[in-house]
Every structure is written in C-alpha cells, then in structure tokens.
C-alpha cells in the first residue's frame, strides 16, 4: 500500500475513513502474522509504513472531531 496523504484523507467522509482504517489494520495484522511465522522477507519494511498510515488516519479523524466540537 502506498503512503496515504493527509489532504486526501481529509477529503474523505467519516465512513470512508473508517473503512480505510479497517483495511490498513487488516493488512497490518496479516503482515505481522507472516512475520511471526518467519515467512516474510521483503514485506517486513511495509509494517512501519502501515503503522504510519494508521497514525495519519487517526490524526485526521481526531482533528475532524476537534473541529466539530
């Protein structure tokens, strides 16, 4: 998965952001399971990128919550 940009995430509505968050978390769990089994070689570097994407999504979600309150 490519790097998600904050501007692109802020354009999405809440449901789409939640869906994107679920997709990224599912992909991260698959990679973590593969890393624990020792079957991953190339994809290990993607784990950090996925963690950062999750953080970006959550940051945008929380920023939107702060704007509405």
PDB file of N, CA and C in Angstrom:
ATOM      1  N   UNK A   1       0.838  -1.168   0.000  1.00  0.00           N
ATOM      2  CA  UNK A   1       0.000   0.000   0.000  1.00  0.00           C
ATOM      3  C   UNK A   1       0.886   1.235   0.000  1.00  0.00           C
ATOM      4  N   UNK A   2       0.460   2.217  -0.743  1.00  0.00           N
ATOM      5  CA  UNK A   2       1.248   3.436  -0.835  1.00  0.00           C
ATOM      6  C   UNK A   2       0.986   4.335   0.368  1.00  0.00           C
ATOM      7  N   UNK A   3       1.780   5.371   0.470  1.00  0.00           N
ATOM      8  CA  UNK A   3       1.649   6.323   1.562  1.00  0.00           C
ATOM      9  C   UNK A   3       0.364   7.113   1.385  1.00  0.00           C
ATOM     10  N   UNK A   4      -0.413   7.183   2.440  1.00  0.00           N
ATOM     11  CA  UNK A   4      -1.645   7.957   2.414  1.00  0.00           C
ATOM     12  C   UNK A   4      -1.321   9.391   2.792  1.00  0.00           C
ATOM     13  N   UNK A   5      -1.896  10.342   2.079  1.00  0.00           N
ATOM     14  CA  UNK A   5      -1.632  11.747   2.344  1.00  0.00           C
ATOM     15  C   UNK A   5      -2.764  12.333   3.177  1.00  0.00           C
ATOM     16  N   UNK A   6      -2.410  13.232   4.068  1.00  0.00           N
ATOM     17  CA  UNK A   6      -3.393  13.830   4.967  1.00  0.00           C
ATOM     18  C   UNK A   6      -4.448  14.615   4.209  1.00  0.00           C
ATOM     19  N   UNK A   7      -4.065  15.290   3.153  1.00  0.00           N
ATOM     20  CA  UNK A   7      -5.023  16.061   2.367  1.00  0.00           C
ATOM     21  C   UNK A   7      -6.062  15.147   1.731  1.00  0.00           C
ATOM     22  N   UNK A   8      -5.609  14.008   1.213  1.00  0.00           N
ATOM     23  CA  UNK A   8      -6.540  13.051   0.611  1.00  0.00           C
ATOM     24  C   UNK A   8      -7.477  12.476   1.667  1.00  0.00           C
ATOM     25  N   UNK A   9      -6.936  12.210   2.853  1.00  0.00           N
ATOM     26  CA  UNK A   9      -7.754  11.642   3.917  1.00  0.00           C
ATOM     27  C   UNK A   9      -8.786  12.641   4.425  1.00  0.00           C
ATOM     28  N   UNK A  10      -8.429  13.916   4.462  1.00  0.00           N
ATOM     29  CA  UNK A  10      -9.371  14.914   4.958  1.00  0.00           C
ATOM     30  C   UNK A  10     -10.524  15.127   3.978  1.00  0.00           C
ATOM     31  N   UNK A  11     -10.324  14.794   2.704  1.00  0.00           N
ATOM     32  CA  UNK A  11     -11.394  14.924   1.711  1.00  0.00           C
ATOM     33  C   UNK A  11     -12.425  13.801   1.836  1.00  0.00           C
ATOM     34  N   UNK A  12     -12.036  12.665   2.420  1.00  0.00           N
ATOM     35  CA  UNK A  12     -12.948  11.538   2.572  1.00  0.00           C
ATOM     36  C   UNK A  12     -13.945  11.824   3.690  1.00  0.00           C
ATOM     37  N   UNK A  13     -15.136  11.227   3.588  1.00  0.00           N
ATOM     38  CA  UNK A  13     -16.088  11.382   4.683  1.00  0.00           C
ATOM     39  C   UNK A  13     -15.777  10.354   5.774  1.00  0.00           C
ATOM     40  N   UNK A  14     -16.476  10.451   6.884  1.00  0.00           N
ATOM     41  CA  UNK A  14     -16.178   9.618   8.047  1.00  0.00           C
ATOM     42  C   UNK A  14     -16.252   8.130   7.780  1.00  0.00           C
ATOM     43  N   UNK A  15     -17.251   7.707   7.011  1.00  0.00           N
ATOM     44  CA  UNK A  15     -17.404   6.281   6.722  1.00  0.00           C
ATOM     45  C   UNK A  15     -16.274   5.733   5.876  1.00  0.00           C
ATOM     46  N   UNK A  16     -15.864   6.516   4.894  1.00  0.00           N
ATOM     47  CA  UNK A  16     -14.763   6.066   4.030  1.00  0.00           C
ATOM     48  C   UNK A  16     -13.456   6.011   4.812  1.00  0.00           C
ATOM     49  N   UNK A  17     -13.254   6.975   5.718  1.00  0.00           N
ATOM     50  CA  UNK A  17     -12.053   6.961   6.554  1.00  0.00           C
ATOM     51  C   UNK A  17     -12.044   5.742   7.462  1.00  0.00           C
ATOM     52  N   UNK A  18     -13.180   5.424   8.026  1.00  0.00           N
ATOM     53  CA  UNK A  18     -13.275   4.244   8.880  1.00  0.00           C
ATOM     54  C   UNK A  18     -13.014   2.959   8.118  1.00  0.00           C
ATOM     55  N   UNK A  19     -13.521   2.912   6.894  1.00  0.00           N
ATOM     56  CA  UNK A  19     -13.297   1.736   6.055  1.00  0.00           C
ATOM     57  C   UNK A  19     -11.816   1.613   5.693  1.00  0.00           C
ATOM     58  N   UNK A  20     -11.190   2.721   5.360  1.00  0.00           N
ATOM     59  CA  UNK A  20      -9.761   2.719   5.021  1.00  0.00           C
ATOM     60  C   UNK A  20      -8.942   2.282   6.230  1.00  0.00           C
ATOM     61  N   UNK A  21      -9.328   2.753   7.423  1.00  0.00           N
ATOM     62  CA  UNK A  21      -8.635   2.366   8.649  1.00  0.00           C
ATOM     63  C   UNK A  21      -8.742   0.863   8.874  1.00  0.00           C
ATOM     64  N   UNK A  22      -9.920   0.315   8.664  1.00  0.00           N
ATOM     65  CA  UNK A  22     -10.119  -1.131   8.838  1.00  0.00           C
ATOM     66  C   UNK A  22      -9.277  -1.928   7.839  1.00  0.00           C
ATOM     67  N   UNK A  23      -9.203  -1.448   6.592  1.00  0.00           N
ATOM     68  CA  UNK A  23      -8.402  -2.132   5.572  1.00  0.00           C
ATOM     69  C   UNK A  23      -6.926  -2.146   5.952  1.00  0.00           C
ATOM     70  N   UNK A  24      -6.418  -0.999   6.396  1.00  0.00           N
ATOM     71  CA  UNK A  24      -4.999  -0.897   6.731  1.00  0.00           C
ATOM     72  C   UNK A  24      -4.684  -1.762   7.949  1.00  0.00           C
ATOM     73  N   UNK A  25      -5.577  -1.748   8.934  1.00  0.00           N
ATOM     74  CA  UNK A  25      -5.356  -2.575  10.122  1.00  0.00           C
ATOM     75  C   UNK A  25      -5.376  -4.061   9.776  1.00  0.00           C
ATOM     76  N   UNK A  26      -6.253  -4.471   8.875  1.00  0.00           N
ATOM     77  CA  UNK A  26      -6.310  -5.873   8.466  1.00  0.00           C
ATOM     78  C   UNK A  26      -5.032  -6.280   7.745  1.00  0.00           C
ATOM     79  N   UNK A  27      -4.565  -5.403   6.879  1.00  0.00           N
ATOM     80  CA  UNK A  27      -3.320  -5.696   6.159  1.00  0.00           C
ATOM     81  C   UNK A  27      -2.142  -5.775   7.121  1.00  0.00           C
ATOM     82  N   UNK A  28      -2.118  -4.881   8.115  1.00  0.00           N
ATOM     83  CA  UNK A  28      -1.051  -4.904   9.107  1.00  0.00           C
ATOM     84  C   UNK A  28      -1.071  -6.205   9.899  1.00  0.00           C
ATOM     85  N   UNK A  29      -2.248  -6.669  10.275  1.00  0.00           N
ATOM     86  CA  UNK A  29      -2.321  -7.909  11.040  1.00  0.00           C
ATOM     87  C   UNK A  29      -1.852  -9.107  10.210  1.00  0.00           C
ATOM     88  N   UNK A  30      -2.151  -9.104   8.916  1.00  0.00           N
ATOM     89  CA  UNK A  30      -1.669 -10.181   8.041  1.00  0.00           C
ATOM     90  C   UNK A  30      -0.150 -10.176   7.963  1.00  0.00           C
ATOM     91  N   UNK A  31       0.435  -8.979   7.814  1.00  0.00           N
ATOM     92  CA  UNK A  31       1.890  -8.897   7.728  1.00  0.00           C
ATOM     93  C   UNK A  31       2.544  -9.286   9.047  1.00  0.00           C
ATOM     94  N   UNK A  32       1.945  -8.887  10.167  1.00  0.00           N
ATOM     95  CA  UNK A  32       2.516  -9.249  11.469  1.00  0.00           C
ATOM     96  C   UNK A  32       2.465 -10.756  11.680  1.00  0.00           C
ATOM     97  N   UNK A  33       1.374 -11.380  11.245  1.00  0.00           N
ATOM     98  CA  UNK A  33       1.259 -12.833  11.381  1.00  0.00           C
ATOM     99  C   UNK A  33       2.313 -13.524  10.519  1.00  0.00           C
ATOM    100  N   UNK A  34       2.514 -13.028   9.315  1.00  0.00           N
ATOM    101  CA  UNK A  34       3.532 -13.608   8.442  1.00  0.00           C
ATOM    102  C   UNK A  34       4.933 -13.411   8.991  1.00  0.00           C
ATOM    103  N   UNK A  35       5.167 -12.262   9.609  1.00  0.00           N
ATOM    104  CA  UNK A  35       6.479 -12.003  10.194  1.00  0.00           C
ATOM    105  C   UNK A  35       6.725 -12.907  11.394  1.00  0.00           C
ATOM    106  N   UNK A  36       5.686 -13.183  12.162  1.00  0.00           N
ATOM    107  CA  UNK A  36       5.831 -14.053  13.320  1.00  0.00           C
ATOM    108  C   UNK A  36       6.142 -15.490  12.902  1.00  0.00           C
ATOM    109  N   UNK A  37       5.572 -15.895  11.765  1.00  0.00           N
ATOM    110  CA  UNK A  37       5.857 -17.251  11.256  1.00  0.00           C
ATOM    111  C   UNK A  37       7.219 -17.317  10.595  1.00  0.00           C
ATOM    112  N   UNK A  38       7.738 -16.171  10.200  1.00  0.00           N
ATOM    113  CA  UNK A  38       9.038 -16.145   9.539  1.00  0.00           C
ATOM    114  C   UNK A  38       8.952 -16.333   8.046  1.00  0.00           C
ATOM    115  N   UNK A  39       7.770 -16.124   7.453  1.00  0.00           N
ATOM    116  CA  UNK A  39       7.616 -16.339   6.019  1.00  0.00           C
ATOM    117  C   UNK A  39       7.841 -15.071   5.206  1.00  0.00           C
ATOM    118  N   UNK A  40       8.000 -13.925   5.872  1.00  0.00           N
ATOM    119  CA  UNK A  40       8.184 -12.664   5.151  1.00  0.00           C
ATOM    120  C   UNK A  40       9.664 -12.335   5.015  1.00  0.00           C
ATOM    121  N   UNK A  41      10.004 -11.781   3.918  1.00  0.00           N
ATOM    122  CA  UNK A  41      11.359 -11.263   3.719  1.00  0.00           C
ATOM    123  C   UNK A  41      11.291  -9.812   3.252  1.00  0.00           C
ATOM    124  N   UNK A  42      10.686  -9.601   2.106  1.00  0.00           N
ATOM    125  CA  UNK A  42      10.640  -8.260   1.518  1.00  0.00           C
ATOM    126  C   UNK A  42       9.627  -7.360   2.214  1.00  0.00           C
ATOM    127  N   UNK A  43       8.522  -7.934   2.657  1.00  0.00           N
ATOM    128  CA  UNK A  43       7.405  -7.147   3.152  1.00  0.00           C
ATOM    129  C   UNK A  43       7.584  -6.628   4.570  1.00  0.00           C
ATOM    130  N   UNK A  44       8.666  -6.978   5.235  1.00  0.00           N
ATOM    131  CA  UNK A  44       8.865  -6.549   6.614  1.00  0.00           C
ATOM    132  C   UNK A  44       8.928  -5.023   6.703  1.00  0.00           C
ATOM    133  N   UNK A  45       9.464  -4.371   5.716  1.00  0.00           N
ATOM    134  CA  UNK A  45       9.547  -2.915   5.716  1.00  0.00           C
ATOM    135  C   UNK A  45       8.198  -2.238   5.581  1.00  0.00           C
ATOM    136  N   UNK A  46       7.211  -2.957   5.095  1.00  0.00           N
ATOM    137  CA  UNK A  46       5.879  -2.381   4.932  1.00  0.00           C
ATOM    138  C   UNK A  46       5.159  -2.220   6.262  1.00  0.00           C
ATOM    139  N   UNK A  47       5.583  -2.947   7.278  1.00  0.00           N
ATOM    140  CA  UNK A  47       4.916  -2.880   8.571  1.00  0.00           C
ATOM    141  C   UNK A  47       4.999  -1.464   9.129  1.00  0.00           C
ATOM    142  N   UNK A  48       6.171  -0.857   9.085  1.00  0.00           N
ATOM    143  CA  UNK A  48       6.318   0.511   9.598  1.00  0.00           C
ATOM    144  C   UNK A  48       5.493   1.490   8.787  1.00  0.00           C
ATOM    145  N   UNK A  49       5.435   1.317   7.473  1.00  0.00           N
ATOM    146  CA  UNK A  49       4.645   2.208   6.628  1.00  0.00           C
ATOM    147  C   UNK A  49       3.162   2.101   6.968  1.00  0.00           C
ATOM    148  N   UNK A  50       2.695   0.886   7.222  1.00  0.00           N
ATOM    149  CA  UNK A  50       1.290   0.704   7.582  1.00  0.00           C
ATOM    150  C   UNK A  50       0.976   1.330   8.935  1.00  0.00           C
ATOM    151  N   UNK A  51       1.897   1.213   9.877  1.00  0.00           N
ATOM    152  CA  UNK A  51       1.699   1.841  11.182  1.00  0.00           C
ATOM    153  C   UNK A  51       1.580   3.357  11.039  1.00  0.00           C
ATOM    154  N   UNK A  52       2.409   3.922  10.190  1.00  0.00           N
ATOM    155  CA  UNK A  52       2.365   5.370   9.977  1.00  0.00           C
ATOM    156  C   UNK A  52       1.073   5.784   9.278  1.00  0.00           C
ATOM    157  N   UNK A  53       0.596   4.953   8.345  1.00  0.00           N
ATOM    158  CA  UNK A  53      -0.676   5.241   7.684  1.00  0.00           C
ATOM    159  C   UNK A  53      -1.828   5.212   8.686  1.00  0.00           C
ATOM    160  N   UNK A  54      -1.806   4.258   9.613  1.00  0.00           N
ATOM    161  CA  UNK A  54      -2.832   4.185  10.641  1.00  0.00           C
ATOM    162  C   UNK A  54      -2.795   5.449  11.498  1.00  0.00           C
ATOM    163  N   UNK A  55      -1.601   5.874  11.860  1.00  0.00           N
ATOM    164  CA  UNK A  55      -1.463   7.091  12.664  1.00  0.00           C
ATOM    165  C   UNK A  55      -1.992   8.308  11.910  1.00  0.00           C
ATOM    166  N   UNK A  56      -1.734   8.388  10.606  1.00  0.00           N
ATOM    167  CA  UNK A  56      -2.242   9.511   9.811  1.00  0.00           C
ATOM    168  C   UNK A  56      -3.764   9.529   9.786  1.00  0.00           C
ATOM    169  N   UNK A  57      -4.353   8.363   9.581  1.00  0.00           N
ATOM    170  CA  UNK A  57      -5.816   8.274   9.529  1.00  0.00           C
ATOM    171  C   UNK A  57      -6.418   8.692  10.871  1.00  0.00           C
ATOM    172  N   UNK A  58      -5.858   8.183  11.958  1.00  0.00           N
ATOM    173  CA  UNK A  58      -6.380   8.525  13.277  1.00  0.00           C
ATOM    174  C   UNK A  58      -6.193  10.006  13.587  1.00  0.00           C
ATOM    175  N   UNK A  59      -5.101  10.588  13.126  1.00  0.00           N
ATOM    176  CA  UNK A  59      -4.865  12.015  13.328  1.00  0.00           C
ATOM    177  C   UNK A  59      -5.923  12.844  12.621  1.00  0.00           C
ATOM    178  N   UNK A  60      -6.240  12.481  11.393  1.00  0.00           N
ATOM    179  CA  UNK A  60      -7.263  13.214  10.634  1.00  0.00           C
ATOM    180  C   UNK A  60      -8.629  13.036  11.285  1.00  0.00           C
ATOM    181  N   UNK A  61      -8.943  11.827  11.741  1.00  0.00           N
ATOM    182  CA  UNK A  61     -10.220  11.578  12.411  1.00  0.00           C
ATOM    183  C   UNK A  61     -10.345  12.434  13.661  1.00  0.00           C
ATOM    184  N   UNK A  62      -9.287  12.458  14.477  1.00  0.00           N
ATOM    185  CA  UNK A  62      -9.329  13.244  15.703  1.00  0.00           C
ATOM    186  C   UNK A  62      -9.367  14.731  15.437  1.00  0.00           C
ATOM    187  N   UNK A  63      -8.707  15.192  14.383  1.00  0.00           N
ATOM    188  CA  UNK A  63      -8.743  16.604  14.027  1.00  0.00           C
ATOM    189  C   UNK A  63     -10.151  17.005  13.597  1.00  0.00           C
ATOM    190  N   UNK A  64     -10.829  16.127  12.871  1.00  0.00           N
ATOM    191  CA  UNK A  64     -12.204  16.404  12.441  1.00  0.00           C
ATOM    192  C   UNK A  64     -13.132  16.458  13.659  1.00  0.00           C
ATOM    193  N   UNK A  65     -12.907  15.595  14.650  1.00  0.00           N
ATOM    194  CA  UNK A  65     -13.713  15.611  15.863  1.00  0.00           C
ATOM    195  C   UNK A  65     -13.520  16.939  16.611  1.00  0.00           C
ATOM    196  N   UNK A  66     -12.276  17.403  16.679  1.00  0.00           N
ATOM    197  CA  UNK A  66     -11.988  18.652  17.382  1.00  0.00           C
ATOM    198  C   UNK A  66     -12.616  19.857  16.677  1.00  0.00           C
ATOM    199  N   UNK A  67     -12.697  19.818  15.372  1.00  0.00           N
ATOM    200  CA  UNK A  67     -13.286  20.920  14.619  1.00  0.00           C
ATOM    201  C   UNK A  67     -14.792  21.019  14.861  1.00  0.00           C
ATOM    202  N   UNK A  68     -15.432  19.879  15.006  1.00  0.00           N
ATOM    203  CA  UNK A  68     -16.881  19.886  15.177  1.00  0.00           C
ATOM    204  C   UNK A  68     -17.310  20.254  16.585  1.00  0.00           C
ATOM    205  N   UNK A  69     -16.424  20.082  17.560  1.00  0.00           N
ATOM    206  CA  UNK A  69     -16.811  20.404  18.930  1.00  0.00           C
ATOM    207  C   UNK A  69     -16.390  21.783  19.342  1.00  0.00           C
TER     208      UNK A  69
END
